[in-house]
Amino acid sequence: MEKHSRILKLSAAAPEGGKQRRSVVDKDSTKEKRKQSHYEALGMIPIEEECFSDSVKPKALKANKVKIRYANTYRLEPHNKLQDHLVRDKAQAILTNRLQQAKYDGVSSPSLCASISEEILKAVKELGFDRYKYVVLVLIVEKADQAINVASRWVWDVERDTWVSAKCETRTFIALALVMACYYE
């Protein structure tokens, strides 16, 4: 108690110029400093001190708006779960329509694969399954009395991730479309 009273006595004494010095324990100044440091930490300008009309808003206020962050839902399942049969039917229909009358050509096959995979990807996204990311792979292989093995490795969640394949076979080639749907939280 003794130290506190000494501080107040020292601060109450007026300097030679006639003005009184502020108290070390001045409540208004500490509140003001706290308020100022709070605004500085958030990178904001205190709006209550400034008055602006509705029609004129300075650019500084627009830049200093704080982005709203929403809480995590902790939802582990999609609302609209992927249905394999719908994706398979859509991919099969696109393959059949695009490749029904085509003949194998080694030069144009890569661009044909790319356009078919983009078309399948758009069609699958239109089905509206939420929280899935898709990988679409289309292979066109010439028939030359050979076998084909397709293998891939993924980090896979068995409960939520899935894949679908569709095949179209003509006299000159075999086309295979793989659609992998990975659940995205």
C-alpha atoms as a PDB file:
ATOM      1  CA  MET A   1       0.000   0.000   0.000  1.00  0.00           C
ATOM      2  CA  GLU A   2       2.918   2.248   0.750  1.00  0.00           C
ATOM      3  CA  LYS A   3       4.410   2.000  -2.759  1.00  0.00           C
ATOM      4  CA  HIS A   4       1.049   2.747  -4.367  1.00  0.00           C
ATOM      5  CA  SER A   5       0.606   5.920  -2.330  1.00  0.00           C
ATOM      6  CA  ARG A   6       4.158   7.104  -3.191  1.00  0.00           C
ATOM      7  CA  ILE A   7       3.466   6.724  -6.896  1.00  0.00           C
ATOM      8  CA  LEU A   8       0.297   8.745  -6.635  1.00  0.00           C
ATOM      9  CA  LYS A   9       2.041  11.469  -4.590  1.00  0.00           C
ATOM     10  CA  LEU A  10       4.882  11.706  -7.116  1.00  0.00           C
ATOM     11  CA  SER A  11       2.539  11.957 -10.020  1.00  0.00           C
ATOM     12  CA  ALA A  12       0.387  14.570  -8.338  1.00  0.00           C
ATOM     13  CA  ALA A  13       3.298  16.977  -7.936  1.00  0.00           C
ATOM     14  CA  ALA A  14       3.357  19.602 -10.680  1.00  0.00           C
ATOM     15  CA  PRO A  15       6.523  20.152 -12.725  1.00  0.00           C
ATOM     16  CA  GLU A  16       8.078  23.584 -13.081  1.00  0.00           C
ATOM     17  CA  GLY A  17       6.095  24.459 -16.239  1.00  0.00           C
ATOM     18  CA  GLY A  18       2.889  24.480 -14.243  1.00  0.00           C
ATOM     19  CA  LYS A  19       1.292  21.431 -15.956  1.00  0.00           C
ATOM     20  CA  GLN A  20       0.541  18.356 -13.958  1.00  0.00           C
ATOM     21  CA  ARG A  21       1.986  15.021 -15.067  1.00  0.00           C
ATOM     22  CA  ARG A  22      -0.355  12.110 -15.664  1.00  0.00           C
ATOM     23  CA  SER A  23      -0.723   9.512 -13.014  1.00  0.00           C
ATOM     24  CA  VAL A  24       0.981   6.184 -13.629  1.00  0.00           C
ATOM     25  CA  VAL A  25      -2.238   4.470 -12.635  1.00  0.00           C
ATOM     26  CA  ASP A  26      -4.526   6.612 -14.811  1.00  0.00           C
ATOM     27  CA  LYS A  27      -7.405   4.290 -15.735  1.00  0.00           C
ATOM     28  CA  ASP A  28      -8.531   6.209 -18.823  1.00  0.00           C
ATOM     29  CA  SER A  29      -5.107   6.111 -20.466  1.00  0.00           C
ATOM     30  CA  THR A  30      -4.647   2.357 -19.875  1.00  0.00           C
ATOM     31  CA  LYS A  31      -8.087   1.622 -21.337  1.00  0.00           C
ATOM     32  CA  GLU A  32      -7.248   3.773 -24.338  1.00  0.00           C
ATOM     33  CA  LYS A  33      -3.898   2.010 -24.849  1.00  0.00           C
ATOM     34  CA  ARG A  34      -5.533  -1.401 -24.541  1.00  0.00           C
ATOM     35  CA  LYS A  35      -8.196  -0.456 -27.057  1.00  0.00           C
ATOM     36  CA  GLN A  36      -5.596   0.909 -29.451  1.00  0.00           C
ATOM     37  CA  SER A  37      -3.379  -2.191 -29.209  1.00  0.00           C
ATOM     38  CA  HIS A  38      -6.441  -4.431 -29.759  1.00  0.00           C
ATOM     39  CA  TYR A  39      -7.278  -2.629 -32.994  1.00  0.00           C
ATOM     40  CA  GLU A  40      -3.645  -2.717 -34.107  1.00  0.00           C
ATOM     41  CA  ALA A  41      -3.460  -6.471 -33.473  1.00  0.00           C
ATOM     42  CA  LEU A  42      -6.532  -7.048 -35.626  1.00  0.00           C
ATOM     43  CA  GLY A  43      -5.336  -4.586 -38.262  1.00  0.00           C
ATOM     44  CA  MET A  44      -8.494  -2.497 -37.982  1.00  0.00           C
ATOM     45  CA  ILE A  45      -9.322   1.156 -37.571  1.00  0.00           C
ATOM     46  CA  PRO A  46     -11.772   1.919 -34.743  1.00  0.00           C
ATOM     47  CA  ILE A  47     -14.956   2.937 -36.577  1.00  0.00           C
ATOM     48  CA  GLU A  48     -16.725   4.484 -33.599  1.00  0.00           C
ATOM     49  CA  GLU A  49     -14.337   7.445 -33.620  1.00  0.00           C
ATOM     50  CA  GLU A  50     -14.980   8.292 -37.272  1.00  0.00           C
ATOM     51  CA  CYS A  51     -18.270   9.355 -38.803  1.00  0.00           C
ATOM     52  CA  PHE A  52     -18.986   8.650 -42.444  1.00  0.00           C
ATOM     53  CA  SER A  53     -22.103   9.163 -44.454  1.00  0.00           C
ATOM     54  CA  ASP A  54     -23.605   6.089 -46.124  1.00  0.00           C
ATOM     55  CA  SER A  55     -22.833   7.362 -49.600  1.00  0.00           C
ATOM     56  CA  VAL A  56     -19.128   8.022 -48.977  1.00  0.00           C
ATOM     57  CA  LYS A  57     -17.068   5.143 -47.617  1.00  0.00           C
ATOM     58  CA  PRO A  58     -13.290   5.364 -47.637  1.00  0.00           C
ATOM     59  CA  LYS A  59     -11.181   2.710 -49.293  1.00  0.00           C
ATOM     60  CA  ALA A  60      -9.313   2.097 -46.038  1.00  0.00           C
ATOM     61  CA  LEU A  61     -12.431   0.628 -44.385  1.00  0.00           C
ATOM     62  CA  LYS A  62     -13.066  -1.766 -47.276  1.00  0.00           C
ATOM     63  CA  ALA A  63      -9.511  -3.088 -47.098  1.00  0.00           C
ATOM     64  CA  ASN A  64      -9.648  -3.582 -43.317  1.00  0.00           C
ATOM     65  CA  LYS A  65     -12.765  -5.784 -43.193  1.00  0.00           C
ATOM     66  CA  VAL A  66     -12.212  -9.017 -41.345  1.00  0.00           C
ATOM     67  CA  LYS A  67     -13.048 -12.203 -43.267  1.00  0.00           C
ATOM     68  CA  ILE A  68     -15.807 -14.247 -41.639  1.00  0.00           C
ATOM     69  CA  ARG A  69     -14.737 -17.780 -40.744  1.00  0.00           C
ATOM     70  CA  TYR A  70     -17.388 -20.432 -40.257  1.00  0.00           C
ATOM     71  CA  ALA A  71     -17.127 -23.298 -37.813  1.00  0.00           C
ATOM     72  CA  ASN A  72     -16.363 -26.780 -39.102  1.00  0.00           C
ATOM     73  CA  THR A  73     -19.388 -29.052 -39.448  1.00  0.00           C
ATOM     74  CA  TYR A  74     -17.435 -32.231 -38.689  1.00  0.00           C
ATOM     75  CA  ARG A  75     -19.652 -34.035 -41.160  1.00  0.00           C
ATOM     76  CA  LEU A  76     -17.981 -37.210 -42.406  1.00  0.00           C
ATOM     77  CA  GLU A  77     -20.620 -38.373 -44.868  1.00  0.00           C
ATOM     78  CA  PRO A  78     -21.897 -36.607 -47.992  1.00  0.00           C
ATOM     79  CA  HIS A  79     -25.527 -35.519 -48.173  1.00  0.00           C
ATOM     80  CA  ASN A  80     -25.852 -36.941 -51.675  1.00  0.00           C
ATOM     81  CA  LYS A  81     -23.757 -40.119 -51.789  1.00  0.00           C
ATOM     82  CA  LEU A  82     -22.311 -41.250 -55.127  1.00  0.00           C
ATOM     83  CA  GLN A  83     -24.423 -43.869 -56.856  1.00  0.00           C
ATOM     84  CA  ASP A  84     -22.238 -46.174 -58.952  1.00  0.00           C
ATOM     85  CA  HIS A  85     -24.919 -47.298 -61.369  1.00  0.00           C
ATOM     86  CA  LEU A  86     -25.762 -43.724 -62.457  1.00  0.00           C
ATOM     87  CA  VAL A  87     -22.115 -42.879 -63.145  1.00  0.00           C
ATOM     88  CA  ARG A  88     -21.563 -46.183 -64.972  1.00  0.00           C
ATOM     89  CA  ASP A  89     -24.633 -45.665 -67.184  1.00  0.00           C
ATOM     90  CA  LYS A  90     -23.584 -42.087 -68.020  1.00  0.00           C
ATOM     91  CA  ALA A  91     -19.996 -43.101 -68.892  1.00  0.00           C
ATOM     92  CA  GLN A  92     -21.193 -46.078 -70.944  1.00  0.00           C
ATOM     93  CA  ALA A  93     -23.630 -43.904 -72.915  1.00  0.00           C
ATOM     94  CA  ILE A  94     -20.939 -41.306 -73.699  1.00  0.00           C
ATOM     95  CA  LEU A  95     -18.439 -43.970 -74.805  1.00  0.00           C
ATOM     96  CA  THR A  96     -20.983 -45.688 -77.018  1.00  0.00           C
ATOM     97  CA  ASN A  97     -22.202 -42.457 -78.645  1.00  0.00           C
ATOM     98  CA  ARG A  98     -18.728 -41.095 -79.357  1.00  0.00           C
ATOM     99  CA  LEU A  99     -17.049 -44.325 -80.504  1.00  0.00           C
ATOM    100  CA  GLN A 100     -19.806 -46.290 -82.216  1.00  0.00           C
ATOM    101  CA  GLN A 101     -18.699 -45.577 -85.811  1.00  0.00           C
ATOM    102  CA  ALA A 102     -15.030 -44.713 -85.112  1.00  0.00           C
ATOM    103  CA  LYS A 103     -11.999 -46.651 -86.331  1.00  0.00           C
ATOM    104  CA  TYR A 104      -8.683 -46.888 -84.538  1.00  0.00           C
ATOM    105  CA  ASP A 105      -6.145 -44.234 -85.451  1.00  0.00           C
ATOM    106  CA  GLY A 106      -2.944 -44.024 -83.396  1.00  0.00           C
ATOM    107  CA  VAL A 107      -2.437 -40.332 -84.192  1.00  0.00           C
ATOM    108  CA  SER A 108      -5.882 -39.000 -83.208  1.00  0.00           C
ATOM    109  CA  SER A 109      -6.521 -41.379 -80.272  1.00  0.00           C
ATOM    110  CA  PRO A 110      -4.849 -39.218 -77.571  1.00  0.00           C
ATOM    111  CA  SER A 111      -6.964 -36.146 -78.397  1.00  0.00           C
ATOM    112  CA  LEU A 112     -10.079 -38.336 -78.640  1.00  0.00           C
ATOM    113  CA  CYS A 113      -9.325 -39.811 -75.184  1.00  0.00           C
ATOM    114  CA  ALA A 114      -8.906 -36.305 -73.733  1.00  0.00           C
ATOM    115  CA  SER A 115     -12.186 -35.004 -75.182  1.00  0.00           C
ATOM    116  CA  ILE A 116     -14.135 -38.089 -74.057  1.00  0.00           C
ATOM    117  CA  SER A 117     -12.708 -37.882 -70.523  1.00  0.00           C
ATOM    118  CA  GLU A 118     -13.663 -34.181 -70.295  1.00  0.00           C
ATOM    119  CA  GLU A 119     -17.181 -34.990 -71.477  1.00  0.00           C
ATOM    120  CA  ILE A 120     -17.533 -37.795 -68.914  1.00  0.00           C
ATOM    121  CA  LEU A 121     -16.199 -35.530 -66.153  1.00  0.00           C
ATOM    122  CA  LYS A 122     -18.750 -32.802 -66.988  1.00  0.00           C
ATOM    123  CA  ALA A 123     -21.578 -35.347 -67.079  1.00  0.00           C
ATOM    124  CA  VAL A 124     -20.604 -36.841 -63.709  1.00  0.00           C
ATOM    125  CA  LYS A 125     -20.334 -33.394 -62.097  1.00  0.00           C
ATOM    126  CA  GLU A 126     -23.830 -32.550 -63.363  1.00  0.00           C
ATOM    127  CA  LEU A 127     -25.209 -35.502 -61.386  1.00  0.00           C
ATOM    128  CA  GLY A 128     -24.609 -33.395 -58.266  1.00  0.00           C
ATOM    129  CA  PHE A 129     -22.860 -35.707 -55.832  1.00  0.00           C
ATOM    130  CA  ASP A 130     -21.428 -33.431 -53.144  1.00  0.00           C
ATOM    131  CA  ARG A 131     -17.955 -33.611 -51.600  1.00  0.00           C
ATOM    132  CA  TYR A 132     -16.352 -35.761 -54.286  1.00  0.00           C
ATOM    133  CA  LYS A 133     -13.378 -35.109 -56.515  1.00  0.00           C
ATOM    134  CA  TYR A 134     -13.189 -37.069 -59.736  1.00  0.00           C
ATOM    135  CA  VAL A 135     -10.414 -38.541 -61.848  1.00  0.00           C
ATOM    136  CA  VAL A 136     -11.449 -39.757 -65.301  1.00  0.00           C
ATOM    137  CA  LEU A 137      -9.129 -41.938 -67.361  1.00  0.00           C
ATOM    138  CA  VAL A 138      -9.962 -43.092 -70.902  1.00  0.00           C
ATOM    139  CA  LEU A 139      -7.839 -45.668 -72.752  1.00  0.00           C
ATOM    140  CA  ILE A 140      -8.188 -46.648 -76.392  1.00  0.00           C
ATOM    141  CA  VAL A 141      -6.248 -49.768 -77.376  1.00  0.00           C
ATOM    142  CA  GLU A 142      -6.022 -51.298 -80.840  1.00  0.00           C
ATOM    143  CA  LYS A 143      -7.189 -54.892 -81.177  1.00  0.00           C
ATOM    144  CA  ALA A 144      -4.202 -56.932 -82.268  1.00  0.00           C
ATOM    145  CA  ASP A 145      -4.829 -60.267 -80.533  1.00  0.00           C
ATOM    146  CA  GLN A 146      -3.195 -59.205 -77.298  1.00  0.00           C
ATOM    147  CA  ALA A 147      -4.192 -58.983 -73.645  1.00  0.00           C
ATOM    148  CA  ILE A 148      -4.251 -55.796 -71.607  1.00  0.00           C
ATOM    149  CA  ASN A 149      -3.794 -55.279 -67.886  1.00  0.00           C
ATOM    150  CA  VAL A 150      -4.550 -51.907 -66.298  1.00  0.00           C
ATOM    151  CA  ALA A 151      -3.259 -51.269 -62.787  1.00  0.00           C
ATOM    152  CA  SER A 152      -3.265 -48.231 -60.508  1.00  0.00           C
ATOM    153  CA  ARG A 153      -2.385 -47.429 -56.922  1.00  0.00           C
ATOM    154  CA  TRP A 154      -4.222 -44.990 -54.700  1.00  0.00           C
ATOM    155  CA  VAL A 155      -4.481 -43.986 -51.089  1.00  0.00           C
ATOM    156  CA  TRP A 156      -8.039 -45.151 -50.698  1.00  0.00           C
ATOM    157  CA  ASP A 157     -10.802 -44.834 -48.122  1.00  0.00           C
ATOM    158  CA  VAL A 158     -12.807 -48.008 -48.635  1.00  0.00           C
ATOM    159  CA  GLU A 159     -15.956 -46.635 -46.968  1.00  0.00           C
ATOM    160  CA  ARG A 160     -16.278 -43.421 -49.002  1.00  0.00           C
ATOM    161  CA  ASP A 161     -14.150 -43.643 -52.177  1.00  0.00           C
ATOM    162  CA  THR A 162     -15.273 -45.628 -55.183  1.00  0.00           C
ATOM    163  CA  TRP A 163     -14.567 -46.272 -58.850  1.00  0.00           C
ATOM    164  CA  VAL A 164     -16.571 -47.192 -61.913  1.00  0.00           C
ATOM    165  CA  SER A 165     -15.525 -48.620 -65.275  1.00  0.00           C
ATOM    166  CA  ALA A 166     -17.222 -48.599 -68.652  1.00  0.00           C
ATOM    167  CA  LYS A 167     -16.121 -50.444 -71.785  1.00  0.00           C
ATOM    168  CA  CYS A 168     -16.871 -50.028 -75.473  1.00  0.00           C
ATOM    169  CA  GLU A 169     -15.634 -52.581 -77.973  1.00  0.00           C
ATOM    170  CA  THR A 170     -15.597 -52.230 -81.773  1.00  0.00           C
ATOM    171  CA  ARG A 171     -13.997 -54.302 -84.541  1.00  0.00           C
ATOM    172  CA  THR A 172     -10.721 -52.313 -84.476  1.00  0.00           C
ATOM    173  CA  PHE A 173     -10.260 -51.176 -80.862  1.00  0.00           C
ATOM    174  CA  ILE A 174     -11.353 -51.411 -77.238  1.00  0.00           C
ATOM    175  CA  ALA A 175     -12.069 -48.280 -75.195  1.00  0.00           C
ATOM    176  CA  LEU A 176     -12.041 -48.321 -71.421  1.00  0.00           C
ATOM    177  CA  ALA A 177     -13.190 -45.455 -69.186  1.00  0.00           C
ATOM    178  CA  LEU A 178     -12.351 -45.399 -65.472  1.00  0.00           C
ATOM    179  CA  VAL A 179     -14.004 -42.906 -63.155  1.00  0.00           C
ATOM    180  CA  MET A 180     -12.509 -42.620 -59.684  1.00  0.00           C
ATOM    181  CA  ALA A 181     -14.544 -40.685 -57.110  1.00  0.00           C
ATOM    182  CA  CYS A 182     -12.571 -39.627 -54.043  1.00  0.00           C
ATOM    183  CA  TYR A 183     -14.445 -38.245 -51.056  1.00  0.00           C
ATOM    184  CA  TYR A 184     -13.263 -34.742 -50.181  1.00  0.00           C
ATOM    185  CA  GLU A 185     -13.901 -33.473 -46.649  1.00  0.00           C
END
